[in-house]
Amino acid sequence: PQRKGSRGSRPPGLDKTAYAGRNVVERRFALAKQWRGIATRYDKHAITYRASVVLCAVIAWLQK
């Protein structure tokens, strides 16, 4: 049996609209990883971690 993509093309299951938004998501994760506590998930409780993620997102939004 042939493997997927063995003819030199991408596998047929690629969603082009989702793939186009991938760049935005990757940049947001890179920005969040600049914050040590978010990058290492340093907080003990999930609610505290979520609050720090929201704070990071608000600061990034305000800097735009």
C-alpha atoms as a PDB file:
ATOM      1  CA  PRO A   1       0.000   0.000   0.000  1.00  0.00           C
ATOM      2  CA  GLN A   2       1.088   3.530  -0.731  1.00  0.00           C
ATOM      3  CA  ARG A   3       1.684   5.959   2.090  1.00  0.00           C
ATOM      4  CA  LYS A   4      -0.075   9.304   2.326  1.00  0.00           C
ATOM      5  CA  GLY A   5       1.713  11.962   0.362  1.00  0.00           C
ATOM      6  CA  SER A   6       3.985   9.498  -1.417  1.00  0.00           C
ATOM      7  CA  ARG A   7       3.169  11.137  -4.744  1.00  0.00           C
ATOM      8  CA  GLY A   8       4.843  14.347  -3.619  1.00  0.00           C
ATOM      9  CA  SER A   9       1.762  16.243  -2.511  1.00  0.00           C
ATOM     10  CA  ARG A  10       0.149  17.006   0.817  1.00  0.00           C
ATOM     11  CA  PRO A  11      -2.345  14.593   2.346  1.00  0.00           C
ATOM     12  CA  PRO A  12      -5.888  15.360   1.134  1.00  0.00           C
ATOM     13  CA  GLY A  13      -7.270  16.215   4.607  1.00  0.00           C
ATOM     14  CA  LEU A  14      -5.817  19.743   4.834  1.00  0.00           C
ATOM     15  CA  ASP A  15      -8.246  22.482   5.907  1.00  0.00           C
ATOM     16  CA  LYS A  16      -6.913  25.643   4.269  1.00  0.00           C
ATOM     17  CA  THR A  17      -8.890  28.114   6.403  1.00  0.00           C
ATOM     18  CA  ALA A  18      -7.732  26.522   9.651  1.00  0.00           C
ATOM     19  CA  TYR A  19      -4.154  26.360   8.381  1.00  0.00           C
ATOM     20  CA  ALA A  20      -4.223  30.078   7.509  1.00  0.00           C
ATOM     21  CA  GLY A  21      -5.031  30.986  11.126  1.00  0.00           C
ATOM     22  CA  ARG A  22      -2.217  28.842  12.495  1.00  0.00           C
ATOM     23  CA  ASN A  23       0.273  31.711  12.276  1.00  0.00           C
ATOM     24  CA  VAL A  24      -1.829  33.870  14.610  1.00  0.00           C
ATOM     25  CA  VAL A  25      -2.080  31.125  17.213  1.00  0.00           C
ATOM     26  CA  GLU A  26       1.660  30.410  17.089  1.00  0.00           C
ATOM     27  CA  ARG A  27       2.491  34.095  17.605  1.00  0.00           C
ATOM     28  CA  ARG A  28       0.159  34.299  20.629  1.00  0.00           C
ATOM     29  CA  PHE A  29       1.811  31.268  22.220  1.00  0.00           C
ATOM     30  CA  ALA A  30       5.243  32.778  21.602  1.00  0.00           C
ATOM     31  CA  LEU A  31       4.126  35.979  23.317  1.00  0.00           C
ATOM     32  CA  ALA A  32       2.691  34.072  26.269  1.00  0.00           C
ATOM     33  CA  LYS A  33       5.881  32.056  26.675  1.00  0.00           C
ATOM     34  CA  GLN A  34       7.813  35.247  27.374  1.00  0.00           C
ATOM     35  CA  TRP A  35       6.068  35.252  30.748  1.00  0.00           C
ATOM     36  CA  ARG A  36       7.883  32.682  32.884  1.00  0.00           C
ATOM     37  CA  GLY A  37       4.883  31.737  35.016  1.00  0.00           C
ATOM     38  CA  ILE A  38       2.727  31.048  32.000  1.00  0.00           C
ATOM     39  CA  ALA A  39       5.424  29.213  30.077  1.00  0.00           C
ATOM     40  CA  THR A  40       6.159  26.843  32.968  1.00  0.00           C
ATOM     41  CA  ARG A  41       2.640  26.783  34.470  1.00  0.00           C
ATOM     42  CA  TYR A  42       4.090  27.783  37.808  1.00  0.00           C
ATOM     43  CA  ASP A  43       0.758  28.383  39.596  1.00  0.00           C
ATOM     44  CA  LYS A  44      -0.730  25.684  41.810  1.00  0.00           C
ATOM     45  CA  HIS A  45      -4.398  26.291  41.088  1.00  0.00           C
ATOM     46  CA  ALA A  46      -6.095  26.342  37.700  1.00  0.00           C
ATOM     47  CA  ILE A  47      -8.028  29.525  38.511  1.00  0.00           C
ATOM     48  CA  THR A  48      -4.795  31.401  39.262  1.00  0.00           C
ATOM     49  CA  TYR A  49      -3.219  30.117  36.063  1.00  0.00           C
ATOM     50  CA  ARG A  50      -6.252  31.179  34.045  1.00  0.00           C
ATOM     51  CA  ALA A  51      -6.141  34.645  35.591  1.00  0.00           C
ATOM     52  CA  SER A  52      -2.490  35.038  34.611  1.00  0.00           C
ATOM     53  CA  VAL A  53      -3.245  33.920  31.048  1.00  0.00           C
ATOM     54  CA  VAL A  54      -6.069  36.472  30.840  1.00  0.00           C
ATOM     55  CA  LEU A  55      -3.788  39.176  32.248  1.00  0.00           C
ATOM     56  CA  CYS A  56      -1.134  38.360  29.647  1.00  0.00           C
ATOM     57  CA  ALA A  57      -3.741  38.484  26.875  1.00  0.00           C
ATOM     58  CA  VAL A  58      -5.102  41.846  28.056  1.00  0.00           C
ATOM     59  CA  ILE A  59      -1.628  43.376  28.231  1.00  0.00           C
ATOM     60  CA  ALA A  60      -0.807  42.062  24.741  1.00  0.00           C
ATOM     61  CA  TRP A  61      -4.109  43.466  23.460  1.00  0.00           C
ATOM     62  CA  LEU A  62      -3.421  46.879  25.017  1.00  0.00           C
ATOM     63  CA  GLN A  63       0.060  47.035  23.494  1.00  0.00           C
ATOM     64  CA  LYS A  64      -1.395  46.618  20.014  1.00  0.00           C
END
